[in-house]
ModelCIF file with pLDDT and N, C-alpha, C, O atoms, coordinates in Angstrom:
data_MODEL
#
_entry.id   MODEL 
#
_entity.id                         1 
_entity.type                       polymer 
_entity.pdbx_number_of_molecules   1 
#
_entity_poly.entity_id                      1 
_entity_poly.type                           'polypeptide(L)' 
_entity_poly.nstd_linkage                   no 
_entity_poly.nstd_monomer                   no 
_entity_poly.pdbx_seq_one_letter_code       APGKERDFVAAITRSGGSTNSADSVKGRFTISRDNA 
_entity_poly.pdbx_seq_one_letter_code_can   APGKERDFVAAITRSGGSTNSADSVKGRFTISRDNA 
_entity_poly.pdbx_strand_id                 A 
#
loop_
_entity_poly_seq.entity_id 
_entity_poly_seq.num 
_entity_poly_seq.mon_id 
_entity_poly_seq.hetero 
1 1  ALA n 
1 2  PRO n 
1 3  GLY n 
1 4  LYS n 
1 5  GLU n 
1 6  ARG n 
1 7  ASP n 
1 8  PHE n 
1 9  VAL n 
1 10 ALA n 
1 11 ALA n 
1 12 ILE n 
1 13 THR n 
1 14 ARG n 
1 15 SER n 
1 16 GLY n 
1 17 GLY n 
1 18 SER n 
1 19 THR n 
1 20 ASN n 
1 21 SER n 
1 22 ALA n 
1 23 ASP n 
1 24 SER n 
1 25 VAL n 
1 26 LYS n 
1 27 GLY n 
1 28 ARG n 
1 29 PHE n 
1 30 THR n 
1 31 ILE n 
1 32 SER n 
1 33 ARG n 
1 34 ASP n 
1 35 ASN n 
1 36 ALA n 
#
_struct_asym.id          A 
_struct_asym.entity_id   1 
#
loop_
_ma_qa_metric.id 
_ma_qa_metric.mode 
_ma_qa_metric.name 
_ma_qa_metric.software_group_id 
_ma_qa_metric.type 
1 global pLDDT . pLDDT 
2 local  pLDDT . pLDDT 
#
_ma_qa_metric_global.metric_id      1 
_ma_qa_metric_global.metric_value   96.03 
_ma_qa_metric_global.model_id       1 
_ma_qa_metric_global.ordinal_id     1 
#
loop_
_ma_qa_metric_local.label_asym_id 
_ma_qa_metric_local.label_comp_id 
_ma_qa_metric_local.label_seq_id 
_ma_qa_metric_local.metric_id 
_ma_qa_metric_local.metric_value 
_ma_qa_metric_local.model_id 
_ma_qa_metric_local.ordinal_id 
A ALA 1  2 97.00 1 1  
A PRO 2  2 91.00 1 2  
A GLY 3  2 94.00 1 3  
A LYS 4  2 96.00 1 4  
A GLU 5  2 96.00 1 5  
A ARG 6  2 97.00 1 6  
A ASP 7  2 98.00 1 7  
A PHE 8  2 98.00 1 8  
A VAL 9  2 98.00 1 9  
A ALA 10 2 98.00 1 10 
A ALA 11 2 98.00 1 11 
A ILE 12 2 97.00 1 12 
A THR 13 2 94.00 1 13 
A ARG 14 2 92.00 1 14 
A SER 15 2 89.00 1 15 
A GLY 16 2 91.00 1 16 
A GLY 17 2 92.00 1 17 
A SER 18 2 95.00 1 18 
A THR 19 2 97.00 1 19 
A ASN 20 2 97.00 1 20 
A SER 21 2 98.00 1 21 
A ALA 22 2 98.00 1 22 
A ASP 23 2 98.00 1 23 
A SER 24 2 97.00 1 24 
A VAL 25 2 98.00 1 25 
A LYS 26 2 97.00 1 26 
A GLY 27 2 97.00 1 27 
A ARG 28 2 98.00 1 28 
A PHE 29 2 98.00 1 29 
A THR 30 2 98.00 1 30 
A ILE 31 2 98.00 1 31 
A SER 32 2 98.00 1 32 
A ARG 33 2 97.00 1 33 
A ASP 34 2 96.00 1 34 
A ASN 35 2 93.00 1 35 
A ALA 36 2 93.00 1 36 
#
loop_
_atom_site.group_PDB 
_atom_site.id 
_atom_site.type_symbol 
_atom_site.label_atom_id 
_atom_site.label_alt_id 
_atom_site.label_comp_id 
_atom_site.label_asym_id 
_atom_site.label_entity_id 
_atom_site.label_seq_id 
_atom_site.pdbx_PDB_ins_code 
_atom_site.Cartn_x 
_atom_site.Cartn_y 
_atom_site.Cartn_z 
_atom_site.occupancy 
_atom_site.B_iso_or_equiv 
_atom_site.pdbx_formal_charge 
_atom_site.auth_seq_id 
_atom_site.auth_comp_id 
_atom_site.auth_asym_id 
_atom_site.auth_atom_id 
_atom_site.pdbx_PDB_model_num 
ATOM 1   N N  . ALA A 1 1  ? 0.842   -1.187  0.000   1.00 97.00 ? 1  ALA A N  1 
ATOM 2   C CA . ALA A 1 1  ? 0.000   0.000   0.000   1.00 97.00 ? 1  ALA A CA 1 
ATOM 3   C C  . ALA A 1 1  ? 0.883   1.245   0.000   1.00 97.00 ? 1  ALA A C  1 
ATOM 4   O O  . ALA A 1 1  ? 2.059   1.170   0.358   1.00 97.00 ? 1  ALA A O  1 
ATOM 5   N N  . PRO A 1 2  ? 0.329   2.388   -0.398  1.00 91.00 ? 2  PRO A N  1 
ATOM 6   C CA . PRO A 1 2  ? 1.122   3.617   -0.404  1.00 91.00 ? 2  PRO A CA 1 
ATOM 7   C C  . PRO A 1 2  ? 1.730   3.912   0.958   1.00 91.00 ? 2  PRO A C  1 
ATOM 8   O O  . PRO A 1 2  ? 1.028   3.927   1.969   1.00 91.00 ? 2  PRO A O  1 
ATOM 9   N N  . GLY A 1 3  ? 3.028   4.144   0.983   1.00 94.00 ? 3  GLY A N  1 
ATOM 10  C CA . GLY A 1 3  ? 3.725   4.462   2.210   1.00 94.00 ? 3  GLY A CA 1 
ATOM 11  C C  . GLY A 1 3  ? 3.946   3.296   3.149   1.00 94.00 ? 3  GLY A C  1 
ATOM 12  O O  . GLY A 1 3  ? 4.415   3.493   4.270   1.00 94.00 ? 3  GLY A O  1 
ATOM 13  N N  . LYS A 1 4  ? 3.621   2.083   2.721   1.00 96.00 ? 4  LYS A N  1 
ATOM 14  C CA . LYS A 1 4  ? 3.758   0.899   3.567   1.00 96.00 ? 4  LYS A CA 1 
ATOM 15  C C  . LYS A 1 4  ? 4.768   -0.078  2.986   1.00 96.00 ? 4  LYS A C  1 
ATOM 16  O O  . LYS A 1 4  ? 5.179   0.048   1.833   1.00 96.00 ? 4  LYS A O  1 
ATOM 17  N N  . GLU A 1 5  ? 5.162   -1.048  3.795   1.00 96.00 ? 5  GLU A N  1 
ATOM 18  C CA . GLU A 1 5  ? 6.042   -2.108  3.333   1.00 96.00 ? 5  GLU A CA 1 
ATOM 19  C C  . GLU A 1 5  ? 5.248   -3.184  2.614   1.00 96.00 ? 5  GLU A C  1 
ATOM 20  O O  . GLU A 1 5  ? 4.027   -3.273  2.748   1.00 96.00 ? 5  GLU A O  1 
ATOM 21  N N  . ARG A 1 6  ? 5.958   -3.995  1.853   1.00 97.00 ? 6  ARG A N  1 
ATOM 22  C CA . ARG A 1 6  ? 5.328   -5.082  1.132   1.00 97.00 ? 6  ARG A CA 1 
ATOM 23  C C  . ARG A 1 6  ? 4.970   -6.213  2.097   1.00 97.00 ? 6  ARG A C  1 
ATOM 24  O O  . ARG A 1 6  ? 5.837   -6.720  2.808   1.00 97.00 ? 6  ARG A O  1 
ATOM 25  N N  . ASP A 1 7  ? 3.702   -6.606  2.122   1.00 98.00 ? 7  ASP A N  1 
ATOM 26  C CA . ASP A 1 7  ? 3.197   -7.580  3.082   1.00 98.00 ? 7  ASP A CA 1 
ATOM 27  C C  . ASP A 1 7  ? 2.696   -8.841  2.389   1.00 98.00 ? 7  ASP A C  1 
ATOM 28  O O  . ASP A 1 7  ? 2.204   -8.804  1.261   1.00 98.00 ? 7  ASP A O  1 
ATOM 29  N N  . PHE A 1 8  ? 2.834   -9.945  3.093   1.00 98.00 ? 8  PHE A N  1 
ATOM 30  C CA . PHE A 1 8  ? 2.337   -11.234 2.624   1.00 98.00 ? 8  PHE A CA 1 
ATOM 31  C C  . PHE A 1 8  ? 0.821   -11.231 2.553   1.00 98.00 ? 8  PHE A C  1 
ATOM 32  O O  . PHE A 1 8  ? 0.151   -10.700 3.439   1.00 98.00 ? 8  PHE A O  1 
ATOM 33  N N  . VAL A 1 9  ? 0.285   -11.822 1.501   1.00 98.00 ? 9  VAL A N  1 
ATOM 34  C CA . VAL A 1 9  ? -1.154  -11.951 1.331   1.00 98.00 ? 9  VAL A CA 1 
ATOM 35  C C  . VAL A 1 9  ? -1.586  -13.416 1.350   1.00 98.00 ? 9  VAL A C  1 
ATOM 36  O O  . VAL A 1 9  ? -2.428  -13.804 2.160   1.00 98.00 ? 9  VAL A O  1 
ATOM 37  N N  . ALA A 1 10 ? -1.015  -14.229 0.463   1.00 98.00 ? 10 ALA A N  1 
ATOM 38  C CA . ALA A 1 10 ? -1.422  -15.625 0.357   1.00 98.00 ? 10 ALA A CA 1 
ATOM 39  C C  . ALA A 1 10 ? -0.348  -16.417 -0.359  1.00 98.00 ? 10 ALA A C  1 
ATOM 40  O O  . ALA A 1 10 ? 0.451   -15.859 -1.110  1.00 98.00 ? 10 ALA A O  1 
ATOM 41  N N  . ALA A 1 11 ? -0.331  -17.731 -0.122  1.00 98.00 ? 11 ALA A N  1 
ATOM 42  C CA . ALA A 1 11 ? 0.623   -18.616 -0.772  1.00 98.00 ? 11 ALA A CA 1 
ATOM 43  C C  . ALA A 1 11 ? -0.021  -19.964 -1.034  1.00 98.00 ? 11 ALA A C  1 
ATOM 44  O O  . ALA A 1 11 ? -1.007  -20.333 -0.396  1.00 98.00 ? 11 ALA A O  1 
ATOM 45  N N  . ILE A 1 12 ? 0.549   -20.692 -1.982  1.00 97.00 ? 12 ILE A N  1 
ATOM 46  C CA . ILE A 1 12 ? 0.022   -21.990 -2.363  1.00 97.00 ? 12 ILE A CA 1 
ATOM 47  C C  . ILE A 1 12 ? 1.178   -22.929 -2.685  1.00 97.00 ? 12 ILE A C  1 
ATOM 48  O O  . ILE A 1 12 ? 2.175   -22.514 -3.276  1.00 97.00 ? 12 ILE A O  1 
ATOM 49  N N  . THR A 1 13 ? 1.045   -24.193 -2.298  1.00 94.00 ? 13 THR A N  1 
ATOM 50  C CA . THR A 1 13 ? 2.088   -25.181 -2.537  1.00 94.00 ? 13 THR A CA 1 
ATOM 51  C C  . THR A 1 13 ? 2.160   -25.563 -4.009  1.00 94.00 ? 13 THR A C  1 
ATOM 52  O O  . THR A 1 13 ? 1.322   -25.159 -4.814  1.00 94.00 ? 13 THR A O  1 
ATOM 53  N N  . ARG A 1 14 ? 3.184   -26.355 -4.344  1.00 92.00 ? 14 ARG A N  1 
ATOM 54  C CA . ARG A 1 14 ? 3.460   -26.670 -5.745  1.00 92.00 ? 14 ARG A CA 1 
ATOM 55  C C  . ARG A 1 14 ? 2.300   -27.336 -6.460  1.00 92.00 ? 14 ARG A C  1 
ATOM 56  O O  . ARG A 1 14 ? 2.007   -27.019 -7.613  1.00 92.00 ? 14 ARG A O  1 
ATOM 57  N N  . SER A 1 15 ? 1.646   -28.251 -5.781  1.00 89.00 ? 15 SER A N  1 
ATOM 58  C CA . SER A 1 15 ? 0.532   -28.970 -6.385  1.00 89.00 ? 15 SER A CA 1 
ATOM 59  C C  . SER A 1 15 ? -0.804  -28.283 -6.155  1.00 89.00 ? 15 SER A C  1 
ATOM 60  O O  . SER A 1 15 ? -1.819  -28.686 -6.723  1.00 89.00 ? 15 SER A O  1 
ATOM 61  N N  . GLY A 1 16 ? -0.807  -27.258 -5.331  1.00 91.00 ? 16 GLY A N  1 
ATOM 62  C CA . GLY A 1 16 ? -2.041  -26.582 -4.987  1.00 91.00 ? 16 GLY A CA 1 
ATOM 63  C C  . GLY A 1 16 ? -2.810  -27.234 -3.861  1.00 91.00 ? 16 GLY A C  1 
ATOM 64  O O  . GLY A 1 16 ? -3.953  -26.864 -3.593  1.00 91.00 ? 16 GLY A O  1 
ATOM 65  N N  . GLY A 1 17 ? -2.194  -28.207 -3.195  1.00 92.00 ? 17 GLY A N  1 
ATOM 66  C CA . GLY A 1 17 ? -2.894  -28.945 -2.165  1.00 92.00 ? 17 GLY A CA 1 
ATOM 67  C C  . GLY A 1 17 ? -3.080  -28.203 -0.862  1.00 92.00 ? 17 GLY A C  1 
ATOM 68  O O  . GLY A 1 17 ? -3.981  -28.526 -0.087  1.00 92.00 ? 17 GLY A O  1 
ATOM 69  N N  . SER A 1 18 ? -2.240  -27.211 -0.606  1.00 95.00 ? 18 SER A N  1 
ATOM 70  C CA . SER A 1 18 ? -2.318  -26.448 0.628   1.00 95.00 ? 18 SER A CA 1 
ATOM 71  C C  . SER A 1 18 ? -2.173  -24.971 0.324   1.00 95.00 ? 18 SER A C  1 
ATOM 72  O O  . SER A 1 18 ? -1.452  -24.580 -0.594  1.00 95.00 ? 18 SER A O  1 
ATOM 73  N N  . THR A 1 19 ? -2.866  -24.155 1.103   1.00 97.00 ? 19 THR A N  1 
ATOM 74  C CA . THR A 1 19 ? -2.764  -22.708 0.971   1.00 97.00 ? 19 THR A CA 1 
ATOM 75  C C  . THR A 1 19 ? -2.627  -22.066 2.339   1.00 97.00 ? 19 THR A C  1 
ATOM 76  O O  . THR A 1 19 ? -2.994  -22.653 3.357   1.00 97.00 ? 19 THR A O  1 
ATOM 77  N N  . ASN A 1 20 ? -2.101  -20.869 2.347   1.00 97.00 ? 20 ASN A N  1 
ATOM 78  C CA . ASN A 1 20 ? -2.000  -20.054 3.544   1.00 97.00 ? 20 ASN A CA 1 
ATOM 79  C C  . ASN A 1 20 ? -2.317  -18.619 3.177   1.00 97.00 ? 20 ASN A C  1 
ATOM 80  O O  . ASN A 1 20 ? -2.048  -18.181 2.058   1.00 97.00 ? 20 ASN A O  1 
ATOM 81  N N  . SER A 1 21 ? -2.882  -17.898 4.108   1.00 98.00 ? 21 SER A N  1 
ATOM 82  C CA . SER A 1 21 ? -3.216  -16.508 3.851   1.00 98.00 ? 21 SER A CA 1 
ATOM 83  C C  . SER A 1 21 ? -3.032  -15.674 5.104   1.00 98.00 ? 21 SER A C  1 
ATOM 84  O O  . SER A 1 21 ? -3.064  -16.188 6.223   1.00 98.00 ? 21 SER A O  1 
ATOM 85  N N  . ALA A 1 22 ? -2.842  -14.391 4.901   1.00 98.00 ? 22 ALA A N  1 
ATOM 86  C CA . ALA A 1 22 ? -2.710  -13.467 6.017   1.00 98.00 ? 22 ALA A CA 1 
ATOM 87  C C  . ALA A 1 22 ? -4.037  -13.319 6.741   1.00 98.00 ? 22 ALA A C  1 
ATOM 88  O O  . ALA A 1 22 ? -5.103  -13.455 6.140   1.00 98.00 ? 22 ALA A O  1 
ATOM 89  N N  . ASP A 1 23 ? -3.964  -13.039 8.036   1.00 98.00 ? 23 ASP A N  1 
ATOM 90  C CA . ASP A 1 23 ? -5.183  -12.871 8.817   1.00 98.00 ? 23 ASP A CA 1 
ATOM 91  C C  . ASP A 1 23 ? -6.078  -11.767 8.260   1.00 98.00 ? 23 ASP A C  1 
ATOM 92  O O  . ASP A 1 23 ? -7.303  -11.853 8.345   1.00 98.00 ? 23 ASP A O  1 
ATOM 93  N N  . SER A 1 24 ? -5.473  -10.744 7.698   1.00 97.00 ? 24 SER A N  1 
ATOM 94  C CA . SER A 1 24 ? -6.236  -9.605  7.212   1.00 97.00 ? 24 SER A CA 1 
ATOM 95  C C  . SER A 1 24 ? -7.118  -9.932  6.017   1.00 97.00 ? 24 SER A C  1 
ATOM 96  O O  . SER A 1 24 ? -8.070  -9.205  5.734   1.00 97.00 ? 24 SER A O  1 
ATOM 97  N N  . VAL A 1 25 ? -6.812  -11.023 5.310   1.00 98.00 ? 25 VAL A N  1 
ATOM 98  C CA . VAL A 1 25 ? -7.588  -11.380 4.126   1.00 98.00 ? 25 VAL A CA 1 
ATOM 99  C C  . VAL A 1 25 ? -8.264  -12.733 4.247   1.00 98.00 ? 25 VAL A C  1 
ATOM 100 O O  . VAL A 1 25 ? -9.005  -13.131 3.348   1.00 98.00 ? 25 VAL A O  1 
ATOM 101 N N  . LYS A 1 26 ? -8.026  -13.444 5.333   1.00 97.00 ? 26 LYS A N  1 
ATOM 102 C CA . LYS A 1 26 ? -8.574  -14.782 5.506   1.00 97.00 ? 26 LYS A CA 1 
ATOM 103 C C  . LYS A 1 26 ? -10.100 -14.746 5.455   1.00 97.00 ? 26 LYS A C  1 
ATOM 104 O O  . LYS A 1 26 ? -10.742 -13.924 6.108   1.00 97.00 ? 26 LYS A O  1 
ATOM 105 N N  . GLY A 1 27 ? -10.657 -15.653 4.666   1.00 97.00 ? 27 GLY A N  1 
ATOM 106 C CA . GLY A 1 27 ? -12.093 -15.696 4.489   1.00 97.00 ? 27 GLY A CA 1 
ATOM 107 C C  . GLY A 1 27 ? -12.600 -14.829 3.366   1.00 97.00 ? 27 GLY A C  1 
ATOM 108 O O  . GLY A 1 27 ? -13.756 -14.957 2.961   1.00 97.00 ? 27 GLY A O  1 
ATOM 109 N N  . ARG A 1 28 ? -11.766 -13.952 2.853   1.00 98.00 ? 28 ARG A N  1 
ATOM 110 C CA . ARG A 1 28 ? -12.153 -13.065 1.762   1.00 98.00 ? 28 ARG A CA 1 
ATOM 111 C C  . ARG A 1 28 ? -11.374 -13.342 0.478   1.00 98.00 ? 28 ARG A C  1 
ATOM 112 O O  . ARG A 1 28 ? -11.929 -13.264 -0.618  1.00 98.00 ? 28 ARG A O  1 
ATOM 113 N N  . PHE A 1 29 ? -10.091 -13.664 0.616   1.00 98.00 ? 29 PHE A N  1 
ATOM 114 C CA . PHE A 1 29 ? -9.232  -13.909 -0.541  1.00 98.00 ? 29 PHE A CA 1 
ATOM 115 C C  . PHE A 1 29 ? -8.932  -15.396 -0.656  1.00 98.00 ? 29 PHE A C  1 
ATOM 116 O O  . PHE A 1 29 ? -8.763  -16.082 0.352   1.00 98.00 ? 29 PHE A O  1 
ATOM 117 N N  . THR A 1 30 ? -8.865  -15.888 -1.883  1.00 98.00 ? 30 THR A N  1 
ATOM 118 C CA . THR A 1 30 ? -8.538  -17.277 -2.144  1.00 98.00 ? 30 THR A CA 1 
ATOM 119 C C  . THR A 1 30 ? -7.479  -17.365 -3.230  1.00 98.00 ? 30 THR A C  1 
ATOM 120 O O  . THR A 1 30 ? -7.649  -16.814 -4.318  1.00 98.00 ? 30 THR A O  1 
ATOM 121 N N  . ILE A 1 31 ? -6.390  -18.057 -2.936  1.00 98.00 ? 31 ILE A N  1 
ATOM 122 C CA . ILE A 1 31 ? -5.350  -18.285 -3.925  1.00 98.00 ? 31 ILE A CA 1 
ATOM 123 C C  . ILE A 1 31 ? -5.556  -19.659 -4.554  1.00 98.00 ? 31 ILE A C  1 
ATOM 124 O O  . ILE A 1 31 ? -5.945  -20.609 -3.875  1.00 98.00 ? 31 ILE A O  1 
ATOM 125 N N  . SER A 1 32 ? -5.296  -19.756 -5.837  1.00 98.00 ? 32 SER A N  1 
ATOM 126 C CA . SER A 1 32 ? -5.393  -21.024 -6.541  1.00 98.00 ? 32 SER A CA 1 
ATOM 127 C C  . SER A 1 32 ? -4.380  -21.039 -7.674  1.00 98.00 ? 32 SER A C  1 
ATOM 128 O O  . SER A 1 32 ? -3.803  -20.005 -8.009  1.00 98.00 ? 32 SER A O  1 
ATOM 129 N N  . ARG A 1 33 ? -4.163  -22.203 -8.261  1.00 97.00 ? 33 ARG A N  1 
ATOM 130 C CA . ARG A 1 33 ? -3.223  -22.288 -9.377  1.00 97.00 ? 33 ARG A CA 1 
ATOM 131 C C  . ARG A 1 33 ? -3.692  -23.322 -10.380 1.00 97.00 ? 33 ARG A C  1 
ATOM 132 O O  . ARG A 1 33 ? -4.381  -24.283 -10.040 1.00 97.00 ? 33 ARG A O  1 
ATOM 133 N N  . ASP A 1 34 ? -3.302  -23.101 -11.621 1.00 96.00 ? 34 ASP A N  1 
ATOM 134 C CA . ASP A 1 34 ? -3.558  -24.027 -12.706 1.00 96.00 ? 34 ASP A CA 1 
ATOM 135 C C  . ASP A 1 34 ? -2.207  -24.311 -13.341 1.00 96.00 ? 34 ASP A C  1 
ATOM 136 O O  . ASP A 1 34 ? -1.730  -23.535 -14.170 1.00 96.00 ? 34 ASP A O  1 
ATOM 137 N N  . ASN A 1 35 ? -1.590  -25.420 -12.955 1.00 93.00 ? 35 ASN A N  1 
ATOM 138 C CA . ASN A 1 35 ? -0.242  -25.718 -13.428 1.00 93.00 ? 35 ASN A CA 1 
ATOM 139 C C  . ASN A 1 35 ? -0.201  -25.985 -14.930 1.00 93.00 ? 35 ASN A C  1 
ATOM 140 O O  . ASN A 1 35 ? 0.827   -25.752 -15.565 1.00 93.00 ? 35 ASN A O  1 
ATOM 141 N N  . ALA A 1 36 ? -1.291  -26.466 -15.503 1.00 93.00 ? 36 ALA A N  1 
ATOM 142 C CA . ALA A 1 36 ? -1.336  -26.684 -16.940 1.00 93.00 ? 36 ALA A CA 1 
ATOM 143 C C  . ALA A 1 36 ? -1.250  -25.377 -17.709 1.00 93.00 ? 36 ALA A C  1 
ATOM 144 O O  . ALA A 1 36 ? -1.274  -25.381 -18.940 1.00 93.00 ? 36 ALA A O  1 
#
């Protein structure tokens, strides 16, 4: 954000089997991947 440091939002494992997200976005943001 303007004037702020870069913060973690969400991450996903190589196969997409597990995800993690920051508390500030949990329940609102969803990370996914399509390896193909």
